[in-house]
């Protein structure tokens, strides 16, 4: 699976912007190296996601989840240097076709300004 390979390729960090995170997305990050931090920005952290996150974090290296309402599309940033635009939520991998595009340096700077 292409996304699993991306997670495994990260050396220091993964940042995901995805408004529809569930336990399947968290499970994907269990494939990362122990030295890789993960931050997920999502629209809402509901009770189910909190429970899933607590369960995941008790079994694997912790993932941090933050609320973020400024993104419509989904993005994955690997090691602060490579940005992928993802056409559908990672929770829906394998269900339907969707785009998965690697961005250039200009787009990386735009996504890097995420908290502004």
N, C-alpha and C. Protein backbone atom coordinates (compact mmCIF):
# COMPACT_ATOMS: atom_id res chain seq x y z
N UNK A 1 0.84 -1.18 0.00
CA UNK A 1 0.00 0.00 0.00
C UNK A 1 0.89 1.24 0.00
N UNK A 2 0.63 2.16 -0.88
CA UNK A 2 1.42 3.37 -1.07
C UNK A 2 1.49 4.23 0.19
N UNK A 3 0.38 4.44 0.87
CA UNK A 3 0.35 5.30 2.05
C UNK A 3 1.16 4.68 3.19
N UNK A 4 1.08 3.39 3.36
CA UNK A 4 1.88 2.71 4.38
C UNK A 4 3.37 2.91 4.11
N UNK A 5 3.76 2.87 2.85
CA UNK A 5 5.16 3.10 2.49
C UNK A 5 5.58 4.52 2.83
N UNK A 6 4.69 5.49 2.62
CA UNK A 6 5.00 6.87 2.99
C UNK A 6 5.20 7.00 4.49
N UNK A 7 4.33 6.38 5.25
CA UNK A 7 4.44 6.43 6.72
C UNK A 7 5.77 5.80 7.15
N UNK A 8 6.12 4.69 6.56
CA UNK A 8 7.38 4.02 6.90
C UNK A 8 8.60 4.83 6.48
N UNK A 9 8.46 5.66 5.43
CA UNK A 9 9.59 6.43 4.91
C UNK A 9 9.94 7.64 5.77
N UNK A 10 9.01 8.10 6.59
CA UNK A 10 9.26 9.29 7.41
C UNK A 10 10.39 9.01 8.40
N UNK A 11 11.24 10.03 8.57
CA UNK A 11 12.38 9.89 9.48
C UNK A 11 12.18 10.67 10.78
N UNK A 12 11.40 11.79 10.70
CA UNK A 12 11.24 12.58 11.93
C UNK A 12 9.81 13.00 12.23
N UNK A 13 8.99 13.26 11.22
CA UNK A 13 7.63 13.74 11.53
C UNK A 13 6.65 13.48 10.40
N UNK A 14 5.39 13.34 10.81
CA UNK A 14 4.27 13.27 9.88
C UNK A 14 3.19 14.20 10.42
N UNK A 15 2.69 15.07 9.55
CA UNK A 15 1.57 15.94 9.91
C UNK A 15 0.45 15.63 8.92
N UNK A 16 -0.72 15.33 9.45
CA UNK A 16 -1.87 15.01 8.61
C UNK A 16 -2.98 16.02 8.85
N UNK A 17 -3.54 16.54 7.78
CA UNK A 17 -4.75 17.36 7.83
C UNK A 17 -5.86 16.52 7.23
N UNK A 18 -6.83 16.13 8.04
CA UNK A 18 -7.90 15.25 7.57
C UNK A 18 -9.08 15.43 8.52
N UNK A 19 -10.19 15.89 8.01
CA UNK A 19 -11.36 16.19 8.84
C UNK A 19 -12.17 14.96 9.23
N UNK A 20 -11.79 13.79 8.76
CA UNK A 20 -12.59 12.59 9.03
C UNK A 20 -11.73 11.45 9.56
N UNK A 21 -11.04 11.69 10.64
CA UNK A 21 -10.12 10.70 11.22
C UNK A 21 -10.89 9.70 12.07
N UNK A 22 -10.51 8.43 11.95
CA UNK A 22 -11.05 7.39 12.83
C UNK A 22 -9.93 6.42 13.18
N UNK A 23 -10.29 5.30 13.80
CA UNK A 23 -9.27 4.35 14.27
C UNK A 23 -8.45 3.75 13.13
N UNK A 24 -9.01 3.68 11.92
CA UNK A 24 -8.24 3.13 10.80
C UNK A 24 -7.07 4.03 10.44
N UNK A 25 -7.26 5.33 10.57
CA UNK A 25 -6.18 6.28 10.31
C UNK A 25 -5.11 6.15 11.39
N UNK A 26 -5.53 6.05 12.64
CA UNK A 26 -4.57 5.88 13.73
C UNK A 26 -3.75 4.61 13.53
N UNK A 27 -4.41 3.53 13.15
CA UNK A 27 -3.72 2.25 12.94
C UNK A 27 -2.65 2.37 11.86
N UNK A 28 -2.92 3.15 10.84
CA UNK A 28 -1.93 3.38 9.78
C UNK A 28 -0.62 3.92 10.36
N UNK A 29 -0.71 4.76 11.38
CA UNK A 29 0.49 5.37 11.95
C UNK A 29 1.26 4.42 12.87
N UNK A 30 0.71 3.26 13.15
CA UNK A 30 1.46 2.27 13.94
C UNK A 30 2.63 1.71 13.13
N UNK A 31 2.65 1.96 11.83
CA UNK A 31 3.70 1.47 10.95
C UNK A 31 4.92 2.39 10.93
N UNK A 32 4.86 3.51 11.62
CA UNK A 32 5.96 4.47 11.58
C UNK A 32 7.12 4.03 12.47
N UNK A 33 8.28 4.64 12.21
CA UNK A 33 9.44 4.41 13.07
C UNK A 33 9.18 5.03 14.44
N UNK A 34 9.84 4.51 15.46
CA UNK A 34 9.65 5.01 16.82
C UNK A 34 10.07 6.47 16.96
N UNK A 35 10.99 6.93 16.13
CA UNK A 35 11.51 8.30 16.21
C UNK A 35 10.62 9.33 15.52
N UNK A 36 9.55 8.89 14.89
CA UNK A 36 8.70 9.78 14.09
C UNK A 36 7.50 10.26 14.91
N UNK A 37 7.38 11.58 15.02
CA UNK A 37 6.22 12.16 15.70
C UNK A 37 5.07 12.30 14.70
N UNK A 38 3.84 12.24 15.22
CA UNK A 38 2.66 12.39 14.37
C UNK A 38 1.72 13.40 15.01
N UNK A 39 1.31 14.39 14.21
CA UNK A 39 0.27 15.34 14.61
C UNK A 39 -0.82 15.27 13.56
N UNK A 40 -2.05 15.12 14.00
CA UNK A 40 -3.21 15.11 13.11
C UNK A 40 -4.04 16.34 13.42
N UNK A 41 -4.35 17.10 12.37
CA UNK A 41 -5.26 18.23 12.48
C UNK A 41 -6.60 17.79 11.89
N UNK A 42 -7.65 17.91 12.68
CA UNK A 42 -8.97 17.48 12.23
C UNK A 42 -10.03 18.48 12.68
N UNK A 43 -11.16 18.46 12.01
CA UNK A 43 -12.20 19.46 12.27
C UNK A 43 -12.77 19.37 13.68
N UNK A 44 -13.00 18.16 14.16
CA UNK A 44 -13.64 17.99 15.47
C UNK A 44 -13.12 16.73 16.15
N UNK A 45 -12.85 16.86 17.42
CA UNK A 45 -12.43 15.70 18.21
C UNK A 45 -13.63 15.28 19.05
N UNK A 46 -14.36 14.29 18.55
CA UNK A 46 -15.56 13.83 19.27
C UNK A 46 -15.19 12.74 20.28
N UNK A 47 -16.19 12.25 21.00
CA UNK A 47 -15.95 11.25 22.05
C UNK A 47 -15.35 9.97 21.49
N UNK A 48 -15.84 9.53 20.35
CA UNK A 48 -15.33 8.29 19.75
C UNK A 48 -13.87 8.44 19.38
N UNK A 49 -13.50 9.56 18.77
CA UNK A 49 -12.11 9.78 18.41
C UNK A 49 -11.23 9.85 19.66
N UNK A 50 -11.72 10.50 20.71
CA UNK A 50 -10.95 10.55 21.96
C UNK A 50 -10.71 9.15 22.51
N UNK A 51 -11.75 8.31 22.50
CA UNK A 51 -11.60 6.93 22.97
C UNK A 51 -10.61 6.15 22.10
N UNK A 52 -10.76 6.28 20.78
CA UNK A 52 -9.84 5.60 19.86
C UNK A 52 -8.41 6.07 20.07
N UNK A 53 -8.24 7.37 20.26
CA UNK A 53 -6.91 7.94 20.46
C UNK A 53 -6.29 7.44 21.77
N UNK A 54 -7.08 7.42 22.84
CA UNK A 54 -6.57 6.92 24.12
C UNK A 54 -6.15 5.46 24.01
N UNK A 55 -6.96 4.66 23.33
CA UNK A 55 -6.64 3.24 23.15
C UNK A 55 -5.37 3.09 22.33
N UNK A 56 -5.29 3.83 21.23
CA UNK A 56 -4.10 3.77 20.37
C UNK A 56 -2.85 4.19 21.15
N UNK A 57 -2.94 5.33 21.84
CA UNK A 57 -1.77 5.85 22.55
C UNK A 57 -1.33 4.96 23.70
N UNK A 58 -2.22 4.11 24.21
CA UNK A 58 -1.83 3.18 25.26
C UNK A 58 -1.07 1.97 24.70
N UNK A 59 -1.20 1.75 23.39
CA UNK A 59 -0.57 0.59 22.76
C UNK A 59 0.65 0.92 21.90
N UNK A 60 0.70 2.16 21.38
CA UNK A 60 1.75 2.56 20.44
C UNK A 60 2.33 3.90 20.89
N UNK A 61 3.39 4.32 20.18
CA UNK A 61 3.92 5.65 20.43
C UNK A 61 2.83 6.67 20.13
N UNK A 62 2.73 7.66 20.97
CA UNK A 62 1.59 8.59 20.94
C UNK A 62 1.45 9.36 19.65
N UNK A 63 0.21 9.62 19.31
CA UNK A 63 -0.18 10.51 18.23
C UNK A 63 -0.89 11.68 18.88
N UNK A 64 -0.59 12.88 18.41
CA UNK A 64 -1.25 14.08 18.92
C UNK A 64 -2.33 14.49 17.92
N UNK A 65 -3.52 14.82 18.43
CA UNK A 65 -4.61 15.26 17.57
C UNK A 65 -5.06 16.64 18.03
N UNK A 66 -5.19 17.56 17.06
CA UNK A 66 -5.60 18.93 17.37
C UNK A 66 -6.76 19.32 16.47
N UNK A 67 -7.65 20.14 17.01
CA UNK A 67 -8.75 20.66 16.18
C UNK A 67 -8.21 21.75 15.27
N UNK A 68 -8.69 21.73 14.03
CA UNK A 68 -8.25 22.69 13.02
C UNK A 68 -9.36 22.79 11.98
N UNK A 69 -9.90 23.98 11.80
CA UNK A 69 -11.07 24.14 10.92
C UNK A 69 -10.76 24.88 9.62
N UNK A 70 -9.50 25.17 9.34
CA UNK A 70 -9.16 25.97 8.16
C UNK A 70 -8.93 25.15 6.89
N UNK A 71 -8.96 23.84 6.98
CA UNK A 71 -8.66 23.01 5.81
C UNK A 71 -9.91 22.29 5.32
N UNK A 72 -10.09 22.29 4.02
CA UNK A 72 -11.15 21.50 3.40
C UNK A 72 -10.56 20.21 2.86
N UNK A 73 -9.47 20.33 2.12
CA UNK A 73 -8.82 19.16 1.54
C UNK A 73 -7.94 18.48 2.58
N UNK A 74 -7.41 17.35 2.18
CA UNK A 74 -6.55 16.59 3.07
C UNK A 74 -5.11 16.67 2.58
N UNK A 75 -4.19 16.80 3.54
CA UNK A 75 -2.77 16.90 3.22
C UNK A 75 -1.98 16.03 4.19
N UNK A 76 -0.88 15.48 3.69
CA UNK A 76 0.08 14.78 4.56
C UNK A 76 1.45 15.40 4.31
N UNK A 77 2.11 15.80 5.39
CA UNK A 77 3.43 16.41 5.31
C UNK A 77 4.42 15.43 5.96
N UNK A 78 5.41 15.03 5.19
CA UNK A 78 6.42 14.09 5.67
C UNK A 78 7.72 14.84 5.92
N UNK A 79 8.23 14.79 7.14
CA UNK A 79 9.52 15.36 7.53
C UNK A 79 9.65 16.85 7.18
N UNK A 80 8.56 17.57 7.24
CA UNK A 80 8.55 19.01 6.94
C UNK A 80 9.12 19.34 5.57
N UNK A 81 9.16 18.37 4.67
CA UNK A 81 9.79 18.64 3.38
C UNK A 81 9.00 18.14 2.18
N UNK A 82 8.10 17.20 2.39
CA UNK A 82 7.31 16.66 1.28
C UNK A 82 5.84 16.73 1.64
N UNK A 83 5.05 17.32 0.74
CA UNK A 83 3.61 17.48 0.99
C UNK A 83 2.83 16.71 -0.07
N UNK A 84 1.85 15.96 0.40
CA UNK A 84 0.94 15.24 -0.49
C UNK A 84 -0.46 15.78 -0.29
N UNK A 85 -1.15 16.02 -1.40
CA UNK A 85 -2.56 16.39 -1.39
C UNK A 85 -3.34 15.10 -1.59
N UNK A 86 -4.30 14.86 -0.71
CA UNK A 86 -5.05 13.61 -0.74
C UNK A 86 -6.51 13.93 -1.03
N UNK A 87 -7.06 13.31 -2.05
CA UNK A 87 -8.40 13.63 -2.50
C UNK A 87 -9.53 13.14 -1.61
N UNK A 88 -9.28 12.17 -0.75
CA UNK A 88 -10.31 11.65 0.16
C UNK A 88 -9.66 11.37 1.50
N UNK A 89 -10.47 11.17 2.50
CA UNK A 89 -9.96 10.88 3.82
C UNK A 89 -9.17 9.57 3.82
N UNK A 90 -8.10 9.52 4.60
CA UNK A 90 -7.33 8.28 4.70
C UNK A 90 -8.16 7.13 5.27
N UNK A 91 -9.22 7.45 6.00
CA UNK A 91 -10.07 6.39 6.54
C UNK A 91 -10.79 5.63 5.42
N UNK A 92 -10.85 6.22 4.24
CA UNK A 92 -11.55 5.61 3.11
C UNK A 92 -10.60 4.97 2.09
N UNK A 93 -9.34 4.78 2.47
CA UNK A 93 -8.39 4.14 1.57
C UNK A 93 -8.92 2.81 1.07
N UNK A 94 -8.82 2.61 -0.24
CA UNK A 94 -9.22 1.33 -0.82
C UNK A 94 -10.69 1.20 -1.14
N UNK A 95 -11.51 2.16 -0.73
CA UNK A 95 -12.95 2.06 -0.99
C UNK A 95 -13.32 2.57 -2.38
N UNK A 96 -12.72 3.69 -2.78
CA UNK A 96 -12.97 4.27 -4.10
C UNK A 96 -11.68 4.90 -4.61
N UNK A 97 -11.65 5.21 -5.89
CA UNK A 97 -10.51 5.91 -6.45
C UNK A 97 -10.49 7.34 -5.95
N UNK A 98 -9.31 7.85 -5.69
CA UNK A 98 -9.16 9.28 -5.41
C UNK A 98 -7.73 9.70 -5.70
N UNK A 99 -7.56 11.01 -5.88
CA UNK A 99 -6.25 11.56 -6.24
C UNK A 99 -5.31 11.57 -5.03
N UNK A 100 -4.03 11.42 -5.33
CA UNK A 100 -2.98 11.49 -4.31
C UNK A 100 -1.80 12.14 -5.02
N UNK A 101 -1.55 13.44 -4.76
CA UNK A 101 -0.58 14.20 -5.52
C UNK A 101 0.54 14.73 -4.65
N UNK A 102 1.76 14.66 -5.16
CA UNK A 102 2.91 15.22 -4.45
C UNK A 102 3.06 16.68 -4.86
N UNK A 103 3.22 17.55 -3.88
CA UNK A 103 3.35 18.98 -4.13
C UNK A 103 4.81 19.38 -4.27
N UNK A 104 5.00 20.56 -4.91
CA UNK A 104 6.32 21.16 -5.03
C UNK A 104 6.61 22.10 -3.86
N UNK A 105 7.74 22.80 -3.93
CA UNK A 105 8.19 23.65 -2.83
C UNK A 105 7.23 24.79 -2.53
N UNK A 106 6.60 25.38 -3.54
CA UNK A 106 5.67 26.49 -3.31
C UNK A 106 4.48 26.05 -2.46
N UNK A 107 3.95 24.90 -2.79
CA UNK A 107 2.82 24.38 -2.02
C UNK A 107 3.23 23.99 -0.60
N UNK A 108 4.46 23.53 -0.45
CA UNK A 108 4.96 23.19 0.88
C UNK A 108 4.96 24.42 1.76
N UNK A 109 5.39 25.56 1.23
CA UNK A 109 5.39 26.81 2.00
C UNK A 109 3.97 27.21 2.37
N UNK A 110 3.03 27.03 1.46
CA UNK A 110 1.63 27.36 1.74
C UNK A 110 1.08 26.50 2.87
N UNK A 111 1.29 25.21 2.80
CA UNK A 111 0.80 24.32 3.84
C UNK A 111 1.57 24.55 5.14
N UNK A 112 2.84 24.93 5.03
CA UNK A 112 3.64 25.22 6.21
C UNK A 112 3.11 26.39 7.01
N UNK A 113 2.36 27.26 6.37
CA UNK A 113 1.76 28.41 7.04
C UNK A 113 0.40 28.06 7.63
N UNK A 114 0.18 26.80 7.94
CA UNK A 114 -1.12 26.27 8.37
C UNK A 114 -1.70 26.94 9.59
N UNK A 115 -0.87 27.39 10.48
CA UNK A 115 -1.41 27.94 11.73
C UNK A 115 -1.66 29.44 11.67
N UNK A 116 -1.39 30.04 10.55
CA UNK A 116 -1.60 31.51 10.42
C UNK A 116 -3.04 31.85 10.11
